[in-house]
PDB file of all heavy atoms in Angstrom:
ATOM      1  N   PRO A   1     -46.754 -49.446 -46.927  1.00  0.00           N
ATOM      2  CA  PRO A   1     -45.657 -48.779 -46.255  1.00  0.00           C
ATOM      3  C   PRO A   1     -44.304 -49.161 -46.821  1.00  0.00           C
ATOM      4  O   PRO A   1     -44.169 -50.164 -47.483  1.00  0.00           O
ATOM      5  CB  PRO A   1     -45.817 -49.161 -44.780  1.00  0.00           C
ATOM      6  CG  PRO A   1     -46.444 -50.513 -44.909  1.00  0.00           C
ATOM      7  CD  PRO A   1     -47.361 -50.414 -46.048  1.00  0.00           C
ATOM      8  N   GLU A   2     -43.282 -48.405 -46.497  1.00  0.00           N
ATOM      9  CA  GLU A   2     -41.946 -48.699 -46.965  1.00  0.00           C
ATOM     10  C   GLU A   2     -41.218 -49.474 -45.843  1.00  0.00           C
ATOM     11  O   GLU A   2     -41.641 -49.647 -44.731  1.00  0.00           O
ATOM     12  CB  GLU A   2     -41.175 -47.392 -47.297  1.00  0.00           C
ATOM     13  CG  GLU A   2     -41.844 -46.606 -48.362  1.00  0.00           C
ATOM     14  CD  GLU A   2     -41.020 -45.363 -48.747  1.00  0.00           C
ATOM     15  OE1 GLU A   2     -39.964 -45.113 -48.117  1.00  0.00           O
ATOM     16  OE2 GLU A   2     -41.450 -44.617 -49.642  1.00  0.00           O
ATOM     17  N   GLY A   3     -40.032 -49.940 -46.236  1.00  0.00           N
ATOM     18  CA  GLY A   3     -39.175 -50.638 -45.202  1.00  0.00           C
ATOM     19  C   GLY A   3     -39.714 -52.007 -44.851  1.00  0.00           C
ATOM     20  O   GLY A   3     -40.480 -52.657 -45.587  1.00  0.00           O
ATOM     21  N   ASN A   4     -39.309 -52.397 -43.626  1.00  0.00           N
ATOM     22  CA  ASN A   4     -39.710 -53.742 -43.159  1.00  0.00           C
ATOM     23  C   ASN A   4     -41.254 -53.933 -42.997  1.00  0.00           C
ATOM     24  O   ASN A   4     -41.763 -55.031 -43.213  1.00  0.00           O
ATOM     25  CB  ASN A   4     -39.002 -54.074 -41.869  1.00  0.00           C
ATOM     26  CG  ASN A   4     -37.544 -54.261 -41.993  1.00  0.00           C
ATOM     27  OD1 ASN A   4     -37.075 -54.547 -43.110  1.00  0.00           O
ATOM     28  ND2 ASN A   4     -36.810 -54.164 -40.905  1.00  0.00           N
ATOM     29  N   ALA A   5     -41.944 -52.836 -42.719  1.00  0.00           N
ATOM     30  CA  ALA A   5     -43.370 -52.926 -42.607  1.00  0.00           C
ATOM     31  C   ALA A   5     -44.035 -53.314 -43.907  1.00  0.00           C
ATOM     32  O   ALA A   5     -44.978 -54.065 -43.954  1.00  0.00           O
ATOM     33  CB  ALA A   5     -43.919 -51.608 -42.073  1.00  0.00           C
ATOM     34  N   GLY A   6     -43.480 -52.768 -45.042  1.00  0.00           N
ATOM     35  CA  GLY A   6     -43.987 -53.121 -46.322  1.00  0.00           C
ATOM     36  C   GLY A   6     -43.755 -54.557 -46.629  1.00  0.00           C
ATOM     37  O   GLY A   6     -44.578 -55.247 -47.220  1.00  0.00           O
ATOM     38  N   LEU A   7     -42.563 -55.047 -46.343  1.00  0.00           N
ATOM     39  CA  LEU A   7     -42.252 -56.473 -46.627  1.00  0.00           C
ATOM     40  C   LEU A   7     -43.106 -57.333 -45.779  1.00  0.00           C
ATOM     41  O   LEU A   7     -43.579 -58.454 -46.243  1.00  0.00           O
ATOM     42  CB  LEU A   7     -40.712 -56.762 -46.304  1.00  0.00           C
ATOM     43  CG  LEU A   7     -39.687 -56.062 -47.186  1.00  0.00           C
ATOM     44  CD1 LEU A   7     -38.286 -56.358 -46.685  1.00  0.00           C
ATOM     45  CD2 LEU A   7     -39.870 -56.537 -48.601  1.00  0.00           C
ATOM     46  N   ALA A   8     -43.312 -56.985 -44.503  1.00  0.00           N
ATOM     47  CA  ALA A   8     -44.261 -57.710 -43.598  1.00  0.00           C
ATOM     48  C   ALA A   8     -45.682 -57.732 -44.207  1.00  0.00           C
ATOM     49  O   ALA A   8     -46.361 -58.746 -44.067  1.00  0.00           O
ATOM     50  CB  ALA A   8     -44.188 -57.130 -42.231  1.00  0.00           C
ATOM     51  N   ALA A   9     -46.130 -56.610 -44.800  1.00  0.00           N
ATOM     52  CA  ALA A   9     -47.417 -56.577 -45.365  1.00  0.00           C
ATOM     53  C   ALA A   9     -47.590 -57.507 -46.533  1.00  0.00           C
ATOM     54  O   ALA A   9     -48.573 -58.236 -46.678  1.00  0.00           O
ATOM     55  CB  ALA A   9     -47.787 -55.147 -45.769  1.00  0.00           C
ATOM     56  N   VAL A  10     -46.578 -57.512 -47.391  1.00  0.00           N
ATOM     57  CA  VAL A  10     -46.610 -58.448 -48.568  1.00  0.00           C
ATOM     58  C   VAL A  10     -46.589 -59.921 -48.005  1.00  0.00           C
ATOM     59  O   VAL A  10     -47.334 -60.782 -48.552  1.00  0.00           O
ATOM     60  CB  VAL A  10     -45.453 -58.192 -49.529  1.00  0.00           C
ATOM     61  CG1 VAL A  10     -45.468 -59.202 -50.688  1.00  0.00           C
ATOM     62  CG2 VAL A  10     -45.564 -56.777 -50.087  1.00  0.00           C
ATOM     63  N   ARG A  11     -45.781 -60.166 -47.033  1.00  0.00           N
ATOM     64  CA  ARG A  11     -45.635 -61.510 -46.494  1.00  0.00           C
ATOM     65  C   ARG A  11     -46.939 -61.936 -45.866  1.00  0.00           C
ATOM     66  O   ARG A  11     -47.393 -63.116 -45.983  1.00  0.00           O
ATOM     67  CB  ARG A  11     -44.484 -61.557 -45.511  1.00  0.00           C
ATOM     68  CG  ARG A  11     -44.266 -62.936 -44.876  1.00  0.00           C
ATOM     69  CD  ARG A  11     -43.001 -62.920 -44.025  1.00  0.00           C
ATOM     70  NE  ARG A  11     -42.656 -64.187 -43.447  1.00  0.00           N
ATOM     71  CZ  ARG A  11     -43.053 -64.596 -42.259  1.00  0.00           C
ATOM     72  NH1 ARG A  11     -43.732 -63.800 -41.459  1.00  0.00           N
ATOM     73  NH2 ARG A  11     -42.737 -65.784 -41.819  1.00  0.00           N
ATOM     74  N   ALA A  12     -47.620 -61.020 -45.134  1.00  0.00           N
ATOM     75  CA  ALA A  12     -48.872 -61.347 -44.445  1.00  0.00           C
ATOM     76  C   ALA A  12     -49.925 -61.630 -45.510  1.00  0.00           C
ATOM     77  O   ALA A  12     -50.793 -62.520 -45.285  1.00  0.00           O
ATOM     78  CB  ALA A  12     -49.315 -60.153 -43.545  1.00  0.00           C
ATOM     79  N   LEU A  13     -49.960 -60.930 -46.618  1.00  0.00           N
ATOM     80  CA  LEU A  13     -50.941 -61.176 -47.664  1.00  0.00           C
ATOM     81  C   LEU A  13     -50.748 -62.564 -48.251  1.00  0.00           C
ATOM     82  O   LEU A  13     -51.705 -63.273 -48.477  1.00  0.00           O
ATOM     83  CB  LEU A  13     -50.861 -60.122 -48.778  1.00  0.00           C
ATOM     84  CG  LEU A  13     -51.893 -60.181 -49.885  1.00  0.00           C
ATOM     85  CD1 LEU A  13     -53.276 -59.971 -49.306  1.00  0.00           C
ATOM     86  CD2 LEU A  13     -51.599 -59.137 -50.930  1.00  0.00           C
ATOM     87  N   GLY A  14     -49.485 -62.914 -48.471  1.00  0.00           N
ATOM     88  CA  GLY A  14     -49.212 -64.313 -48.951  1.00  0.00           C
ATOM     89  C   GLY A  14     -49.633 -65.368 -47.921  1.00  0.00           C
ATOM     90  O   GLY A  14     -50.131 -66.445 -48.357  1.00  0.00           O
ATOM     91  N   GLN A  15     -49.370 -65.167 -46.674  1.00  0.00           N
ATOM     92  CA  GLN A  15     -49.709 -66.134 -45.701  1.00  0.00           C
ATOM     93  C   GLN A  15     -51.237 -66.235 -45.518  1.00  0.00           C
ATOM     94  O   GLN A  15     -51.745 -67.298 -45.232  1.00  0.00           O
ATOM     95  CB  GLN A  15     -49.063 -65.785 -44.366  1.00  0.00           C
ATOM     96  CG  GLN A  15     -47.560 -66.016 -44.303  1.00  0.00           C
ATOM     97  CD  GLN A  15     -46.948 -65.614 -42.946  1.00  0.00           C
ATOM     98  OE1 GLN A  15     -47.307 -64.619 -42.384  1.00  0.00           O
ATOM     99  NE2 GLN A  15     -46.041 -66.442 -42.476  1.00  0.00           N
ATOM    100  N   TRP A  16     -51.877 -65.092 -45.760  1.00  0.00           N
ATOM    101  CA  TRP A  16     -53.379 -65.126 -45.698  1.00  0.00           C
ATOM    102  C   TRP A  16     -53.904 -66.094 -46.778  1.00  0.00           C
ATOM    103  O   TRP A  16     -54.822 -66.842 -46.556  1.00  0.00           O
ATOM    104  CB  TRP A  16     -53.957 -63.735 -45.826  1.00  0.00           C
ATOM    105  CG  TRP A  16     -55.418 -63.742 -45.885  1.00  0.00           C
ATOM    106  CD1 TRP A  16     -56.284 -63.866 -44.831  1.00  0.00           C
ATOM    107  CD2 TRP A  16     -56.288 -63.580 -47.034  1.00  0.00           C
ATOM    108  NE1 TRP A  16     -57.559 -63.810 -45.242  1.00  0.00           N
ATOM    109  CE2 TRP A  16     -57.643 -63.654 -46.606  1.00  0.00           C
ATOM    110  CE3 TRP A  16     -55.984 -63.437 -48.390  1.00  0.00           C
ATOM    111  CZ2 TRP A  16     -58.717 -63.522 -47.455  1.00  0.00           C
ATOM    112  CZ3 TRP A  16     -57.092 -63.337 -49.252  1.00  0.00           C
ATOM    113  CH2 TRP A  16     -58.419 -63.394 -48.777  1.00  0.00           C
ATOM    114  N   VAL A  17     -53.363 -65.989 -47.976  1.00  0.00           N
ATOM    115  CA  VAL A  17     -53.754 -66.900 -49.009  1.00  0.00           C
ATOM    116  C   VAL A  17     -53.418 -68.382 -48.686  1.00  0.00           C
ATOM    117  O   VAL A  17     -54.267 -69.298 -48.859  1.00  0.00           O
ATOM    118  CB  VAL A  17     -53.076 -66.584 -50.345  1.00  0.00           C
ATOM    119  CG1 VAL A  17     -53.403 -67.567 -51.450  1.00  0.00           C
ATOM    120  CG2 VAL A  17     -53.429 -65.166 -50.804  1.00  0.00           C
ATOM    121  N   LEU A  18     -52.252 -68.588 -48.056  1.00  0.00           N
ATOM    122  CA  LEU A  18     -51.877 -69.996 -47.671  1.00  0.00           C
ATOM    123  C   LEU A  18     -52.782 -70.562 -46.556  1.00  0.00           C
ATOM    124  O   LEU A  18     -52.869 -71.778 -46.436  1.00  0.00           O
ATOM    125  CB  LEU A  18     -50.429 -69.990 -47.211  1.00  0.00           C
ATOM    126  CG  LEU A  18     -49.365 -69.679 -48.291  1.00  0.00           C
ATOM    127  CD1 LEU A  18     -47.978 -69.548 -47.678  1.00  0.00           C
ATOM    128  CD2 LEU A  18     -49.353 -70.832 -49.299  1.00  0.00           C
ATOM    129  N   ASP A  19     -53.431 -69.694 -45.858  1.00  0.00           N
ATOM    130  CA  ASP A  19     -54.309 -70.122 -44.787  1.00  0.00           C
ATOM    131  C   ASP A  19     -55.783 -70.308 -45.274  1.00  0.00           C
ATOM    132  O   ASP A  19     -56.706 -70.113 -44.543  1.00  0.00           O
ATOM    133  CB  ASP A  19     -54.332 -69.124 -43.579  1.00  0.00           C
ATOM    134  CG  ASP A  19     -53.006 -69.142 -42.883  1.00  0.00           C
ATOM    135  OD1 ASP A  19     -52.317 -70.143 -42.909  1.00  0.00           O
ATOM    136  OD2 ASP A  19     -52.700 -68.168 -42.219  1.00  0.00           O
ATOM    137  N   TYR A  20     -55.913 -70.677 -46.525  1.00  0.00           N
ATOM    138  CA  TYR A  20     -57.255 -70.841 -47.142  1.00  0.00           C
ATOM    139  C   TYR A  20     -58.124 -71.857 -46.432  1.00  0.00           C
ATOM    140  O   TYR A  20     -59.380 -71.794 -46.526  1.00  0.00           O
ATOM    141  CB  TYR A  20     -57.131 -71.164 -48.624  1.00  0.00           C
ATOM    142  CG  TYR A  20     -56.485 -72.461 -48.906  1.00  0.00           C
ATOM    143  CD1 TYR A  20     -57.251 -73.618 -49.108  1.00  0.00           C
ATOM    144  CD2 TYR A  20     -55.072 -72.635 -48.962  1.00  0.00           C
ATOM    145  CE1 TYR A  20     -56.680 -74.859 -49.419  1.00  0.00           C
ATOM    146  CE2 TYR A  20     -54.518 -73.848 -49.239  1.00  0.00           C
ATOM    147  CZ  TYR A  20     -55.257 -74.959 -49.431  1.00  0.00           C
ATOM    148  OH  TYR A  20     -54.678 -76.142 -49.693  1.00  0.00           O
ATOM    149  N   THR A  21     -57.552 -72.806 -45.784  1.00  0.00           N
ATOM    150  CA  THR A  21     -58.361 -73.835 -45.105  1.00  0.00           C
ATOM    151  C   THR A  21     -59.130 -73.262 -43.981  1.00  0.00           C
ATOM    152  O   THR A  21     -60.058 -73.917 -43.479  1.00  0.00           O
ATOM    153  CB  THR A  21     -57.449 -74.993 -44.618  1.00  0.00           C
ATOM    154  OG1 THR A  21     -56.411 -74.451 -43.783  1.00  0.00           O
ATOM    155  CG2 THR A  21     -56.814 -75.763 -45.760  1.00  0.00           C
ATOM    156  N   ASP A  22     -58.823 -72.093 -43.472  1.00  0.00           N
ATOM    157  CA  ASP A  22     -59.563 -71.462 -42.410  1.00  0.00           C
ATOM    158  C   ASP A  22     -61.025 -71.145 -42.846  1.00  0.00           C
ATOM    159  O   ASP A  22     -61.838 -70.923 -41.984  1.00  0.00           O
ATOM    160  CB  ASP A  22     -58.845 -70.210 -41.893  1.00  0.00           C
ATOM    161  CG  ASP A  22     -57.574 -70.497 -41.141  1.00  0.00           C
ATOM    162  OD1 ASP A  22     -57.358 -71.706 -40.841  1.00  0.00           O
ATOM    163  OD2 ASP A  22     -56.786 -69.546 -40.907  1.00  0.00           O
ATOM    164  N   ASP A  23     -61.259 -71.006 -44.118  1.00  0.00           N
ATOM    165  CA  ASP A  23     -62.566 -70.719 -44.581  1.00  0.00           C
ATOM    166  C   ASP A  23     -63.504 -71.965 -44.503  1.00  0.00           C
ATOM    167  O   ASP A  23     -64.705 -71.777 -44.684  1.00  0.00           O
ATOM    168  CB  ASP A  23     -62.515 -70.235 -46.078  1.00  0.00           C
ATOM    169  CG  ASP A  23     -61.890 -68.869 -46.182  1.00  0.00           C
ATOM    170  OD1 ASP A  23     -61.858 -68.144 -45.108  1.00  0.00           O
ATOM    171  OD2 ASP A  23     -61.425 -68.495 -47.282  1.00  0.00           O
ATOM    172  N   GLY A  24     -62.983 -73.118 -44.246  1.00  0.00           N
ATOM    173  CA  GLY A  24     -63.747 -74.330 -44.169  1.00  0.00           C
ATOM    174  C   GLY A  24     -64.383 -74.456 -42.764  1.00  0.00           C
ATOM    175  O   GLY A  24     -64.075 -73.664 -41.859  1.00  0.00           O
ATOM    176  N   THR A  25     -65.195 -75.491 -42.567  1.00  0.00           N
ATOM    177  CA  THR A  25     -65.835 -75.811 -41.303  1.00  0.00           C
ATOM    178  C   THR A  25     -65.309 -77.048 -40.665  1.00  0.00           C
ATOM    179  O   THR A  25     -65.874 -77.571 -39.739  1.00  0.00           O
ATOM    180  CB  THR A  25     -67.364 -75.935 -41.526  1.00  0.00           C
ATOM    181  OG1 THR A  25     -67.622 -77.001 -42.408  1.00  0.00           O
ATOM    182  CG2 THR A  25     -67.890 -74.637 -42.092  1.00  0.00           C
ATOM    183  N   ASP A  26     -64.226 -77.650 -41.221  1.00  0.00           N
ATOM    184  CA  ASP A  26     -63.629 -78.843 -40.720  1.00  0.00           C
ATOM    185  C   ASP A  26     -64.622 -80.063 -40.864  1.00  0.00           C
ATOM    186  O   ASP A  26     -64.543 -81.019 -40.123  1.00  0.00           O
ATOM    187  CB  ASP A  26     -63.177 -78.701 -39.250  1.00  0.00           C
ATOM    188  CG  ASP A  26     -62.266 -79.803 -38.823  1.00  0.00           C
ATOM    189  OD1 ASP A  26     -61.511 -80.294 -39.668  1.00  0.00           O
ATOM    190  OD2 ASP A  26     -62.315 -80.186 -37.628  1.00  0.00           O
ATOM    191  N   ALA A  27     -65.568 -79.967 -41.762  1.00  0.00           N
ATOM    192  CA  ALA A  27     -66.505 -81.055 -42.015  1.00  0.00           C
ATOM    193  C   ALA A  27     -66.026 -81.971 -43.120  1.00  0.00           C
ATOM    194  O   ALA A  27     -66.572 -83.026 -43.360  1.00  0.00           O
ATOM    195  CB  ALA A  27     -67.881 -80.465 -42.403  1.00  0.00           C
ATOM    196  N   GLY A  28     -65.006 -81.586 -43.848  1.00  0.00           N
ATOM    197  CA  GLY A  28     -64.464 -82.359 -44.960  1.00  0.00           C
ATOM    198  C   GLY A  28     -65.220 -82.231 -46.218  1.00  0.00           C
ATOM    199  O   GLY A  28     -66.343 -81.712 -46.288  1.00  0.00           O
TER     200      GLY A  28
END
């Protein structure tokens, strides 16, 4: 999308990458 929704989409994609630890099981 255009406008702020597009910026939010790109930002959300970047934050999803930064949340990579969510794929773990907290077992170390």
